[in-house]
Amino acid sequence: MIDSVKKYKWFIVGSSVITIVILIYARGLVYDKEEETEWTIPSEEEQAPEVSEERLVPEPDVKNLVDVKGAVENPGVYEVMLDERVIDVIEKAGGLKEGADETKINFAGRVTDEMVLYIPIIGEEGGSMIVSAGSSSTSTSQGADKININKATSDELQTLPGIGPSKAEAIISYREDSGLFQTIDDLKLVTGIGDKTFEKLQELIIVK
């Protein structure tokens, strides 16, 4: 009887040991499989996209210079961008003075380099004029060139700011009686044309 109990005792102990070994082995297989299927999170260096070392160099802003004269708060030369308009230049010059004749101004006109923008006052004789000094030409409602005071007719002279019929005739009479103008400054010798009137005209006239 005692021998039988001892025999089965070793059998039970041996079976338990074998079972424990099998469980440990099986657990190791499952752990290895979980490690193989585990997701790998990329590092910050791997996630960051490659950045090209080449960088675009911004082009410099191209600016024009516009000379603003007449009925504006702050006449002078102003820098403007290529896509700016006459209204933008007037704003840079402090806006229009009281009495400026807005009907003579094309606020939507594009500016050009070396432009001279003259703003007339209400009732001023002659029309407003924009001069492009770089091309030695002018842009008016009539689209005329700079006025040659030695050859201009009365009507042509009256397109100039401050020149009405009487002053136009005075200019014509002077060149007929005293000879052709030698320089544009000679225009101040004409009766009725003083320094203020000449200042409005000097960028708009030539002698030939």
N, C-alpha and C. Protein backbone atom coordinates (compact mmCIF):
# COMPACT_ATOMS: atom_id res chain seq x y z
N MET A 1 0.84 -1.19 0.00
CA MET A 1 0.00 0.00 0.00
C MET A 1 0.88 1.25 0.00
N ILE A 2 1.85 1.28 0.91
CA ILE A 2 2.74 2.43 1.02
C ILE A 2 3.55 2.58 -0.26
N ASP A 3 3.97 1.41 -0.83
CA ASP A 3 4.74 1.47 -2.08
C ASP A 3 3.91 2.07 -3.21
N SER A 4 2.64 1.77 -3.24
CA SER A 4 1.75 2.29 -4.31
C SER A 4 1.62 3.80 -4.20
N VAL A 5 1.47 4.27 -2.95
CA VAL A 5 1.33 5.74 -2.76
C VAL A 5 2.59 6.46 -3.21
N LYS A 6 3.77 5.90 -2.85
CA LYS A 6 5.03 6.51 -3.27
C LYS A 6 5.15 6.55 -4.78
N LYS A 7 4.71 5.43 -5.41
CA LYS A 7 4.80 5.36 -6.89
C LYS A 7 3.98 6.44 -7.54
N TYR A 8 2.73 6.64 -7.09
CA TYR A 8 1.84 7.65 -7.69
C TYR A 8 2.29 9.07 -7.34
N LYS A 9 2.92 9.21 -6.17
CA LYS A 9 3.41 10.54 -5.76
C LYS A 9 4.44 11.04 -6.75
N TRP A 10 5.39 10.20 -7.13
CA TRP A 10 6.41 10.64 -8.09
C TRP A 10 5.82 10.86 -9.48
N PHE A 11 4.78 10.10 -9.78
CA PHE A 11 4.12 10.28 -11.07
C PHE A 11 3.44 11.65 -11.13
N ILE A 12 2.78 12.02 -10.02
CA ILE A 12 2.07 13.31 -9.97
C ILE A 12 3.07 14.47 -10.01
N VAL A 13 4.17 14.34 -9.26
CA VAL A 13 5.19 15.38 -9.25
C VAL A 13 5.80 15.55 -10.63
N GLY A 14 6.09 14.44 -11.27
CA GLY A 14 6.68 14.51 -12.62
C GLY A 14 5.73 15.15 -13.60
N SER A 15 4.45 14.81 -13.53
CA SER A 15 3.46 15.40 -14.46
C SER A 15 3.34 16.90 -14.24
N SER A 16 3.40 17.33 -12.99
CA SER A 16 3.27 18.76 -12.68
C SER A 16 4.45 19.54 -13.28
N VAL A 17 5.67 18.94 -13.11
CA VAL A 17 6.85 19.60 -13.64
C VAL A 17 6.76 19.76 -15.15
N ILE A 18 6.33 18.70 -15.82
CA ILE A 18 6.21 18.73 -17.30
C ILE A 18 5.19 19.79 -17.72
N THR A 19 4.08 19.85 -16.98
CA THR A 19 3.03 20.84 -17.30
C THR A 19 3.54 22.26 -17.16
N ILE A 20 4.31 22.51 -16.09
CA ILE A 20 4.86 23.86 -15.87
C ILE A 20 5.81 24.24 -16.99
N VAL A 21 6.66 23.29 -17.40
CA VAL A 21 7.62 23.56 -18.49
C VAL A 21 6.89 23.91 -19.78
N ILE A 22 5.83 23.14 -20.09
CA ILE A 22 5.05 23.39 -21.32
C ILE A 22 4.42 24.78 -21.28
N LEU A 23 3.87 25.16 -20.12
CA LEU A 23 3.23 26.49 -20.00
C LEU A 23 4.24 27.62 -20.20
N ILE A 24 5.42 27.43 -19.61
CA ILE A 24 6.45 28.48 -19.76
C ILE A 24 6.87 28.62 -21.23
N TYR A 25 7.04 27.52 -21.92
CA TYR A 25 7.43 27.52 -23.34
C TYR A 25 6.37 28.19 -24.20
N ALA A 26 5.11 27.79 -23.92
CA ALA A 26 4.00 28.36 -24.69
C ALA A 26 3.91 29.87 -24.49
N ARG A 27 4.10 30.32 -23.26
CA ARG A 27 4.03 31.76 -22.96
C ARG A 27 5.14 32.51 -23.69
N GLY A 28 6.32 31.88 -23.78
CA GLY A 28 7.42 32.51 -24.50
C GLY A 28 7.12 32.68 -25.97
N LEU A 29 6.45 31.72 -26.59
CA LEU A 29 6.09 31.82 -28.01
C LEU A 29 5.11 32.97 -28.24
N VAL A 30 4.13 33.10 -27.35
CA VAL A 30 3.13 34.17 -27.50
C VAL A 30 3.80 35.54 -27.36
N TYR A 31 4.72 35.70 -26.42
CA TYR A 31 5.40 36.98 -26.19
C TYR A 31 6.24 37.38 -27.39
N ASP A 32 6.95 36.36 -27.96
CA ASP A 32 7.77 36.65 -29.16
C ASP A 32 6.90 37.10 -30.31
N LYS A 33 5.72 36.50 -30.48
CA LYS A 33 4.83 36.84 -31.58
C LYS A 33 4.28 38.26 -31.42
N GLU A 34 3.98 38.66 -30.15
CA GLU A 34 3.47 40.00 -29.89
C GLU A 34 4.54 41.05 -30.21
N GLU A 35 5.81 40.70 -29.93
CA GLU A 35 6.89 41.65 -30.24
C GLU A 35 7.04 41.85 -31.74
N GLU A 36 6.82 40.78 -32.51
CA GLU A 36 6.96 40.87 -33.97
C GLU A 36 5.87 41.73 -34.59
N THR A 37 4.66 41.72 -33.99
CA THR A 37 3.54 42.46 -34.56
C THR A 37 3.39 43.85 -33.95
N GLU A 38 4.27 44.22 -33.04
CA GLU A 38 4.16 45.53 -32.39
C GLU A 38 4.49 46.64 -33.39
N TRP A 39 3.67 47.72 -33.38
CA TRP A 39 3.89 48.85 -34.28
C TRP A 39 5.12 49.63 -33.85
N THR A 40 5.89 50.10 -34.85
CA THR A 40 7.08 50.89 -34.57
C THR A 40 6.79 52.35 -34.87
N ILE A 41 6.94 53.23 -33.88
CA ILE A 41 6.67 54.66 -34.06
C ILE A 41 7.93 55.32 -34.59
N PRO A 42 7.84 55.97 -35.76
CA PRO A 42 9.04 56.60 -36.33
C PRO A 42 9.52 57.75 -35.46
N SER A 43 10.82 58.00 -35.51
CA SER A 43 11.41 59.11 -34.76
C SER A 43 11.06 60.43 -35.43
N GLU A 44 11.34 61.54 -34.72
CA GLU A 44 11.06 62.86 -35.27
C GLU A 44 11.86 63.10 -36.55
N GLU A 45 13.11 62.56 -36.58
CA GLU A 45 13.93 62.74 -37.79
C GLU A 45 13.32 62.02 -38.97
N GLU A 46 12.73 60.80 -38.70
CA GLU A 46 12.13 60.04 -39.79
C GLU A 46 10.83 60.67 -40.26
N GLN A 47 10.07 61.32 -39.31
CA GLN A 47 8.79 61.93 -39.67
C GLN A 47 8.99 63.22 -40.44
N ALA A 48 10.04 63.96 -40.14
CA ALA A 48 10.23 65.26 -40.77
C ALA A 48 10.55 65.11 -42.24
N PRO A 49 9.82 65.83 -43.12
CA PRO A 49 10.11 65.76 -44.56
C PRO A 49 11.43 66.42 -44.89
N GLU A 50 12.03 65.96 -45.95
CA GLU A 50 13.29 66.55 -46.38
C GLU A 50 13.06 67.96 -46.88
N VAL A 51 13.87 68.87 -46.40
CA VAL A 51 13.74 70.27 -46.79
C VAL A 51 14.89 70.62 -47.72
N SER A 52 14.53 71.13 -48.87
CA SER A 52 15.56 71.51 -49.83
C SER A 52 16.35 72.69 -49.31
N GLU A 53 17.66 72.64 -49.52
CA GLU A 53 18.51 73.72 -49.07
C GLU A 53 18.35 74.96 -49.94
N GLU A 54 17.79 74.77 -51.14
CA GLU A 54 17.62 75.89 -52.04
C GLU A 54 16.47 76.77 -51.55
N ARG A 55 16.67 78.05 -51.50
CA ARG A 55 15.64 78.98 -51.08
C ARG A 55 15.45 80.04 -52.16
N LEU A 56 14.18 80.42 -52.35
CA LEU A 56 13.90 81.44 -53.34
C LEU A 56 14.30 82.80 -52.79
N VAL A 57 15.00 83.56 -53.58
CA VAL A 57 15.40 84.90 -53.18
C VAL A 57 14.35 85.87 -53.68
N PRO A 58 13.64 86.59 -52.76
CA PRO A 58 12.57 87.50 -53.22
C PRO A 58 13.13 88.62 -54.08
N GLU A 59 12.37 88.93 -55.13
CA GLU A 59 12.78 90.02 -56.01
C GLU A 59 12.54 91.34 -55.30
N PRO A 60 13.42 92.32 -55.51
CA PRO A 60 13.23 93.62 -54.87
C PRO A 60 12.00 94.32 -55.44
N ASP A 61 11.31 95.08 -54.58
CA ASP A 61 10.15 95.83 -55.04
C ASP A 61 10.60 96.92 -56.01
N VAL A 62 9.91 96.97 -57.15
CA VAL A 62 10.22 97.99 -58.15
C VAL A 62 9.34 99.19 -57.89
N LYS A 63 9.95 100.35 -57.73
CA LYS A 63 9.18 101.54 -57.40
C LYS A 63 9.35 102.61 -58.46
N ASN A 64 8.32 103.47 -58.57
CA ASN A 64 8.37 104.61 -59.47
C ASN A 64 8.43 105.88 -58.65
N LEU A 65 8.93 106.94 -59.27
CA LEU A 65 8.94 108.25 -58.65
C LEU A 65 7.95 109.15 -59.38
N VAL A 66 7.06 109.78 -58.60
CA VAL A 66 6.04 110.65 -59.17
C VAL A 66 6.13 112.02 -58.50
N ASP A 67 6.15 113.07 -59.31
CA ASP A 67 6.22 114.44 -58.81
C ASP A 67 4.80 115.01 -58.79
N VAL A 68 4.29 115.29 -57.59
CA VAL A 68 2.91 115.77 -57.43
C VAL A 68 2.93 117.27 -57.18
N LYS A 69 2.17 118.00 -57.98
CA LYS A 69 2.12 119.46 -57.89
C LYS A 69 0.67 119.93 -57.82
N GLY A 70 0.49 121.21 -57.50
CA GLY A 70 -0.83 121.80 -57.54
C GLY A 70 -1.57 121.69 -56.22
N ALA A 71 -2.89 121.48 -56.30
CA ALA A 71 -3.78 121.56 -55.14
C ALA A 71 -3.79 120.28 -54.31
N VAL A 72 -2.63 119.93 -53.75
CA VAL A 72 -2.54 118.84 -52.78
C VAL A 72 -1.90 119.40 -51.51
N GLU A 73 -2.12 118.72 -50.39
CA GLU A 73 -1.63 119.22 -49.12
C GLU A 73 -0.11 119.27 -49.04
N ASN A 74 0.54 118.27 -49.60
CA ASN A 74 2.00 118.19 -49.49
C ASN A 74 2.62 117.87 -50.85
N PRO A 75 2.77 118.87 -51.72
CA PRO A 75 3.40 118.62 -53.02
C PRO A 75 4.82 118.09 -52.83
N GLY A 76 5.24 117.28 -53.78
CA GLY A 76 6.59 116.74 -53.70
C GLY A 76 6.74 115.49 -54.52
N VAL A 77 7.91 114.85 -54.41
CA VAL A 77 8.20 113.62 -55.15
C VAL A 77 7.95 112.43 -54.23
N TYR A 78 7.18 111.46 -54.74
CA TYR A 78 6.80 110.30 -53.92
C TYR A 78 7.14 109.00 -54.63
N GLU A 79 7.54 108.00 -53.81
CA GLU A 79 7.77 106.66 -54.33
C GLU A 79 6.46 105.89 -54.34
N VAL A 80 6.17 105.23 -55.45
CA VAL A 80 4.95 104.43 -55.56
C VAL A 80 5.29 103.10 -56.22
N MET A 81 4.47 102.09 -55.95
CA MET A 81 4.67 100.78 -56.55
C MET A 81 4.11 100.78 -57.98
N LEU A 82 4.50 99.77 -58.75
CA LEU A 82 4.11 99.70 -60.16
C LEU A 82 2.61 99.63 -60.36
N ASP A 83 1.90 98.97 -59.41
CA ASP A 83 0.47 98.76 -59.61
C ASP A 83 -0.39 99.85 -58.99
N GLU A 84 0.22 100.94 -58.50
CA GLU A 84 -0.56 101.99 -57.85
C GLU A 84 -1.17 102.93 -58.87
N ARG A 85 -2.21 103.65 -58.41
CA ARG A 85 -2.98 104.54 -59.27
C ARG A 85 -2.81 106.00 -58.82
N VAL A 86 -3.41 106.90 -59.60
CA VAL A 86 -3.33 108.32 -59.28
C VAL A 86 -3.90 108.61 -57.89
N ILE A 87 -4.99 107.94 -57.53
CA ILE A 87 -5.60 108.18 -56.22
C ILE A 87 -4.64 107.80 -55.09
N ASP A 88 -3.82 106.77 -55.31
CA ASP A 88 -2.84 106.37 -54.29
C ASP A 88 -1.77 107.44 -54.11
N VAL A 89 -1.35 108.05 -55.21
CA VAL A 89 -0.32 109.09 -55.15
C VAL A 89 -0.87 110.31 -54.42
N ILE A 90 -2.12 110.66 -54.71
CA ILE A 90 -2.74 111.82 -54.06
C ILE A 90 -2.83 111.61 -52.55
N GLU A 91 -3.16 110.38 -52.15
CA GLU A 91 -3.22 110.07 -50.72
C GLU A 91 -1.85 110.21 -50.06
N LYS A 92 -0.80 109.78 -50.77
CA LYS A 92 0.56 109.92 -50.23
C LYS A 92 0.92 111.40 -50.06
N ALA A 93 0.35 112.25 -50.92
CA ALA A 93 0.64 113.69 -50.86
C ALA A 93 -0.29 114.40 -49.88
N GLY A 94 -0.98 113.65 -49.04
CA GLY A 94 -1.82 114.26 -48.01
C GLY A 94 -3.24 114.55 -48.43
N GLY A 95 -3.61 114.15 -49.66
CA GLY A 95 -4.96 114.39 -50.13
C GLY A 95 -5.11 115.73 -50.83
N LEU A 96 -6.28 115.97 -51.37
CA LEU A 96 -6.54 117.19 -52.12
C LEU A 96 -6.78 118.36 -51.17
N LYS A 97 -6.37 119.53 -51.61
CA LYS A 97 -6.69 120.75 -50.88
C LYS A 97 -8.14 121.14 -51.16
N GLU A 98 -8.67 121.95 -50.26
CA GLU A 98 -10.02 122.47 -50.49
C GLU A 98 -10.01 123.33 -51.76
N GLY A 99 -10.97 123.07 -52.63
CA GLY A 99 -11.03 123.82 -53.88
C GLY A 99 -10.41 123.09 -55.06
N ALA A 100 -9.81 121.92 -54.82
CA ALA A 100 -9.24 121.15 -55.94
C ALA A 100 -10.36 120.69 -56.87
N ASP A 101 -10.09 120.77 -58.15
CA ASP A 101 -11.10 120.40 -59.16
C ASP A 101 -11.02 118.90 -59.45
N GLU A 102 -11.86 118.12 -58.76
CA GLU A 102 -11.83 116.67 -58.91
C GLU A 102 -12.31 116.23 -60.29
N THR A 103 -13.07 117.08 -60.97
CA THR A 103 -13.58 116.71 -62.30
C THR A 103 -12.47 116.64 -63.34
N LYS A 104 -11.32 117.21 -63.04
CA LYS A 104 -10.21 117.21 -63.99
C LYS A 104 -9.21 116.08 -63.72
N ILE A 105 -9.53 115.22 -62.74
CA ILE A 105 -8.56 114.20 -62.32
C ILE A 105 -9.07 112.81 -62.66
N ASN A 106 -8.25 112.02 -63.29
CA ASN A 106 -8.56 110.60 -63.51
C ASN A 106 -7.95 109.80 -62.37
N PHE A 107 -8.74 109.61 -61.31
CA PHE A 107 -8.22 108.95 -60.11
C PHE A 107 -7.78 107.51 -60.39
N ALA A 108 -8.37 106.88 -61.41
CA ALA A 108 -8.06 105.47 -61.70
C ALA A 108 -6.85 105.30 -62.60
N GLY A 109 -6.26 106.41 -63.07
CA GLY A 109 -5.13 106.31 -63.98
C GLY A 109 -3.93 105.64 -63.33
N ARG A 110 -3.20 104.85 -64.10
CA ARG A 110 -1.98 104.20 -63.59
C ARG A 110 -0.82 105.19 -63.60
N VAL A 111 0.04 105.06 -62.61
CA VAL A 111 1.21 105.93 -62.53
C VAL A 111 2.36 105.32 -63.33
N THR A 112 3.26 106.18 -63.78
CA THR A 112 4.47 105.74 -64.48
C THR A 112 5.67 106.46 -63.88
N ASP A 113 6.84 105.91 -64.10
CA ASP A 113 8.05 106.50 -63.54
C ASP A 113 8.29 107.88 -64.14
N GLU A 114 8.71 108.81 -63.30
CA GLU A 114 9.02 110.20 -63.67
C GLU A 114 7.77 110.99 -64.05
N MET A 115 6.61 110.50 -63.66
CA MET A 115 5.37 111.22 -63.96
C MET A 115 5.29 112.51 -63.14
N VAL A 116 4.76 113.55 -63.77
CA VAL A 116 4.43 114.79 -63.07
C VAL A 116 2.92 114.91 -63.06
N LEU A 117 2.34 114.91 -61.86
CA LEU A 117 0.89 114.98 -61.72
C LEU A 117 0.50 116.35 -61.18
N TYR A 118 -0.21 117.13 -61.99
CA TYR A 118 -0.63 118.47 -61.58
C TYR A 118 -2.12 118.47 -61.28
N ILE A 119 -2.50 118.96 -60.10
CA ILE A 119 -3.91 119.01 -59.68
C ILE A 119 -4.38 120.46 -59.73
N PRO A 120 -5.34 120.80 -60.60
CA PRO A 120 -5.82 122.18 -60.70
C PRO A 120 -6.86 122.50 -59.62
N ILE A 121 -7.13 123.78 -59.44
CA ILE A 121 -8.21 124.19 -58.55
C ILE A 121 -9.44 124.54 -59.39
N ILE A 122 -10.59 124.57 -58.73
CA ILE A 122 -11.84 124.86 -59.45
C ILE A 122 -11.77 126.25 -60.07
N GLY A 123 -12.13 126.35 -61.33
CA GLY A 123 -12.14 127.62 -62.02
C GLY A 123 -10.83 127.98 -62.67
N GLU A 124 -9.80 127.17 -62.45
CA GLU A 124 -8.50 127.46 -63.04
C GLU A 124 -8.57 127.25 -64.55
N GLU A 125 -8.02 128.20 -65.29
CA GLU A 125 -8.04 128.10 -66.74
C GLU A 125 -7.12 126.99 -67.21
N GLY A 126 -7.54 126.33 -68.26
CA GLY A 126 -6.76 125.21 -68.77
C GLY A 126 -7.14 123.93 -68.08
N GLY A 127 -6.64 122.82 -68.58
CA GLY A 127 -7.00 121.52 -68.02
C GLY A 127 -5.91 120.96 -67.14
N SER A 128 -6.25 119.88 -66.44
CA SER A 128 -5.23 119.19 -65.65
C SER A 128 -4.32 118.42 -66.61
N MET A 129 -3.11 118.16 -66.17
CA MET A 129 -2.17 117.50 -67.07
C MET A 129 -1.25 116.58 -66.30
N ILE A 130 -0.98 115.43 -66.87
CA ILE A 130 -0.02 114.49 -66.31
C ILE A 130 1.14 114.39 -67.29
N VAL A 131 2.34 114.65 -66.82
CA VAL A 131 3.50 114.66 -67.70
C VAL A 131 4.42 113.51 -67.36
N SER A 132 4.85 112.79 -68.36
CA SER A 132 5.86 111.76 -68.17
C SER A 132 7.19 112.32 -68.64
N ALA A 133 7.97 112.82 -67.70
CA ALA A 133 9.22 113.51 -68.06
C ALA A 133 10.21 112.58 -68.73
N GLY A 134 10.19 111.29 -68.37
CA GLY A 134 11.15 110.35 -68.93
C GLY A 134 11.01 110.20 -70.42
N SER A 135 9.79 110.29 -70.92
CA SER A 135 9.56 110.15 -72.36
C SER A 135 9.34 111.49 -73.03
N SER A 136 9.45 112.59 -72.25
CA SER A 136 9.26 113.94 -72.76
C SER A 136 7.93 114.09 -73.46
N SER A 137 6.91 113.45 -72.92
CA SER A 137 5.58 113.57 -73.51
C SER A 137 4.59 113.84 -72.42
N THR A 138 3.40 114.25 -72.79
CA THR A 138 2.37 114.54 -71.82
C THR A 138 1.14 113.74 -72.12
N SER A 139 0.32 113.59 -71.08
CA SER A 139 -0.96 112.91 -71.26
C SER A 139 -2.05 113.82 -70.75
N THR A 140 -2.89 114.31 -71.64
CA THR A 140 -4.00 115.16 -71.27
C THR A 140 -5.26 114.55 -71.81
N SER A 141 -6.38 115.27 -71.59
CA SER A 141 -7.63 114.77 -72.16
C SER A 141 -7.57 114.78 -73.67
N GLN A 142 -6.68 115.62 -74.22
CA GLN A 142 -6.53 115.65 -75.69
C GLN A 142 -5.39 114.76 -76.14
N GLY A 143 -4.56 114.26 -75.21
CA GLY A 143 -3.45 113.38 -75.57
C GLY A 143 -2.35 114.11 -76.32
N ALA A 144 -2.13 115.42 -76.06
CA ALA A 144 -1.14 116.18 -76.81
C ALA A 144 0.25 115.96 -76.25
N ASP A 145 1.29 116.38 -77.03
CA ASP A 145 2.67 116.36 -76.57
C ASP A 145 2.94 117.62 -75.76
N LYS A 146 4.17 117.72 -75.25
CA LYS A 146 4.54 118.96 -74.59
C LYS A 146 4.32 120.12 -75.55
N ILE A 147 3.90 121.23 -74.97
CA ILE A 147 3.54 122.37 -75.81
C ILE A 147 4.79 123.19 -76.17
N ASN A 148 5.02 123.35 -77.48
CA ASN A 148 6.10 124.20 -77.98
C ASN A 148 5.55 125.62 -78.05
N ILE A 149 5.97 126.44 -77.09
CA ILE A 149 5.38 127.78 -77.00
C ILE A 149 5.79 128.69 -78.16
N ASN A 150 6.74 128.24 -78.98
CA ASN A 150 7.12 129.03 -80.16
C ASN A 150 6.21 128.76 -81.36
N LYS A 151 5.45 127.67 -81.32
CA LYS A 151 4.63 127.31 -82.47
C LYS A 151 3.17 127.03 -82.11
N ALA A 152 2.85 126.91 -80.83
CA ALA A 152 1.51 126.51 -80.42
C ALA A 152 0.46 127.53 -80.81
N THR A 153 -0.69 127.03 -81.20
CA THR A 153 -1.83 127.90 -81.50
C THR A 153 -2.49 128.34 -80.19
N SER A 154 -3.45 129.25 -80.31
CA SER A 154 -4.17 129.73 -79.13
C SER A 154 -4.88 128.58 -78.43
N ASP A 155 -5.51 127.69 -79.20
CA ASP A 155 -6.23 126.56 -78.60
C ASP A 155 -5.27 125.62 -77.88
N GLU A 156 -4.10 125.38 -78.48
CA GLU A 156 -3.12 124.49 -77.85
C GLU A 156 -2.58 125.09 -76.55
N LEU A 157 -2.33 126.39 -76.56
CA LEU A 157 -1.84 127.05 -75.36
C LEU A 157 -2.87 127.00 -74.23
N GLN A 158 -4.13 127.02 -74.59
CA GLN A 158 -5.19 127.02 -73.57
C GLN A 158 -5.38 125.65 -72.91
N THR A 159 -4.69 124.62 -73.40
CA THR A 159 -4.73 123.33 -72.71
C THR A 159 -3.81 123.32 -71.49
N LEU A 160 -2.97 124.36 -71.38
CA LEU A 160 -2.05 124.46 -70.26
C LEU A 160 -2.77 125.03 -69.03
N PRO A 161 -2.41 124.59 -67.84
CA PRO A 161 -3.05 125.12 -66.63
C PRO A 161 -2.74 126.60 -66.44
N GLY A 162 -3.77 127.39 -66.19
CA GLY A 162 -3.59 128.81 -65.94
C GLY A 162 -3.57 129.68 -67.19
N ILE A 163 -3.71 129.06 -68.35
CA ILE A 163 -3.68 129.82 -69.61
C ILE A 163 -5.08 129.82 -70.23
N GLY A 164 -5.66 131.01 -70.26
CA GLY A 164 -6.96 131.20 -70.91
C GLY A 164 -6.77 131.92 -72.24
N PRO A 165 -7.86 132.33 -72.85
CA PRO A 165 -7.76 133.00 -74.16
C PRO A 165 -6.89 134.25 -74.16
N SER A 166 -7.02 135.08 -73.12
CA SER A 166 -6.27 136.34 -73.11
C SER A 166 -4.77 136.10 -72.97
N LYS A 167 -4.38 135.18 -72.09
CA LYS A 167 -2.95 134.90 -71.92
C LYS A 167 -2.39 134.18 -73.14
N ALA A 168 -3.19 133.33 -73.76
CA ALA A 168 -2.74 132.65 -74.98
C ALA A 168 -2.43 133.66 -76.07
N GLU A 169 -3.31 134.66 -76.22
CA GLU A 169 -3.09 135.70 -77.23
C GLU A 169 -1.88 136.55 -76.87
N ALA A 170 -1.66 136.75 -75.55
CA ALA A 170 -0.49 137.55 -75.12
C ALA A 170 0.81 136.83 -75.47
N ILE A 171 0.81 135.52 -75.35
CA ILE A 171 2.00 134.74 -75.70
C ILE A 171 2.28 134.83 -77.18
N ILE A 172 1.23 134.69 -77.97
CA ILE A 172 1.39 134.76 -79.43
C ILE A 172 1.85 136.15 -79.86
N SER A 173 1.28 137.18 -79.25
CA SER A 173 1.66 138.56 -79.59
C SER A 173 3.12 138.84 -79.23
N TYR A 174 3.56 138.29 -78.09
CA TYR A 174 4.95 138.51 -77.66
C TYR A 174 5.93 137.90 -78.66
N ARG A 175 5.69 136.66 -79.08
CA ARG A 175 6.66 136.03 -79.98
C ARG A 175 6.62 136.65 -81.37
N GLU A 176 5.48 137.25 -81.75
CA GLU A 176 5.40 137.93 -83.05
C GLU A 176 6.12 139.27 -83.01
N ASP A 177 6.02 139.95 -81.85
CA ASP A 177 6.63 141.28 -81.73
C ASP A 177 8.09 141.23 -81.31
N SER A 178 8.44 140.30 -80.42
CA SER A 178 9.78 140.28 -79.84
C SER A 178 10.64 139.12 -80.34
N GLY A 179 10.08 138.25 -81.14
CA GLY A 179 10.83 137.10 -81.64
C GLY A 179 10.53 135.85 -80.82
N LEU A 180 11.04 134.72 -81.28
CA LEU A 180 10.77 133.45 -80.62
C LEU A 180 11.42 133.38 -79.24
N PHE A 181 10.80 132.60 -78.37
CA PHE A 181 11.36 132.38 -77.03
C PHE A 181 12.65 131.57 -77.15
N GLN A 182 13.68 132.01 -76.43
CA GLN A 182 14.95 131.30 -76.45
C GLN A 182 14.99 130.18 -75.41
N THR A 183 14.37 130.41 -74.28
CA THR A 183 14.23 129.40 -73.22
C THR A 183 12.81 129.49 -72.68
N ILE A 184 12.40 128.46 -71.95
CA ILE A 184 11.04 128.50 -71.38
C ILE A 184 10.93 129.60 -70.33
N ASP A 185 12.05 130.01 -69.72
CA ASP A 185 12.01 131.10 -68.72
C ASP A 185 11.59 132.42 -69.35
N ASP A 186 11.79 132.57 -70.65
CA ASP A 186 11.39 133.81 -71.33
C ASP A 186 9.88 134.01 -71.28
N LEU A 187 9.15 132.93 -70.99
CA LEU A 187 7.68 133.05 -70.95
C LEU A 187 7.25 134.02 -69.85
N LYS A 188 8.09 134.18 -68.81
CA LYS A 188 7.75 135.10 -67.73
C LYS A 188 7.82 136.57 -68.17
N LEU A 189 8.36 136.82 -69.37
CA LEU A 189 8.40 138.17 -69.90
C LEU A 189 7.05 138.58 -70.48
N VAL A 190 6.17 137.61 -70.67
CA VAL A 190 4.84 137.89 -71.22
C VAL A 190 3.97 138.50 -70.12
N THR A 191 3.26 139.55 -70.46
CA THR A 191 2.37 140.23 -69.51
C THR A 191 1.32 139.26 -68.98
N GLY A 192 1.19 139.19 -67.65
CA GLY A 192 0.17 138.33 -67.05
C GLY A 192 0.68 136.97 -66.61
N ILE A 193 1.93 136.66 -66.95
CA ILE A 193 2.49 135.37 -66.55
C ILE A 193 3.58 135.61 -65.51
N GLY A 194 3.23 135.32 -64.26
CA GLY A 194 4.17 135.51 -63.17
C GLY A 194 4.81 134.20 -62.75
N ASP A 195 5.50 134.26 -61.62
CA ASP A 195 6.23 133.08 -61.14
C ASP A 195 5.30 131.91 -60.82
N LYS A 196 4.14 132.20 -60.21
CA LYS A 196 3.23 131.12 -59.83
C LYS A 196 2.68 130.40 -61.06
N THR A 197 2.31 131.19 -62.07
CA THR A 197 1.79 130.57 -63.30
C THR A 197 2.89 129.79 -64.00
N PHE A 198 4.09 130.37 -64.03
CA PHE A 198 5.20 129.68 -64.70
C PHE A 198 5.54 128.38 -64.00
N GLU A 199 5.43 128.35 -62.68
CA GLU A 199 5.74 127.12 -61.93
C GLU A 199 4.83 125.97 -62.37
N LYS A 200 3.59 126.27 -62.71
CA LYS A 200 2.66 125.24 -63.17
C LYS A 200 2.99 124.78 -64.59
N LEU A 201 3.67 125.66 -65.35
CA LEU A 201 3.87 125.39 -66.77
C LEU A 201 5.24 124.80 -67.11
N GLN A 202 6.23 124.99 -66.26
CA GLN A 202 7.60 124.71 -66.65
C GLN A 202 7.86 123.27 -67.03
N GLU A 203 7.09 122.33 -66.45
CA GLU A 203 7.28 120.92 -66.80
C GLU A 203 6.46 120.51 -68.03
N LEU A 204 5.66 121.44 -68.53
CA LEU A 204 4.71 121.11 -69.58
C LEU A 204 5.01 121.77 -70.92
N ILE A 205 6.04 122.61 -70.96
CA ILE A 205 6.32 123.38 -72.18
C ILE A 205 7.77 123.18 -72.63
N ILE A 206 8.00 123.43 -73.90
CA ILE A 206 9.34 123.38 -74.48
C ILE A 206 9.47 124.52 -75.48
N VAL A 207 10.70 124.80 -75.88
CA VAL A 207 10.94 125.75 -76.97
C VAL A 207 11.77 125.04 -78.04
N LYS A 208 11.40 125.23 -79.29
CA LYS A 208 12.15 124.62 -80.41
C LYS A 208 12.31 125.66 -81.51
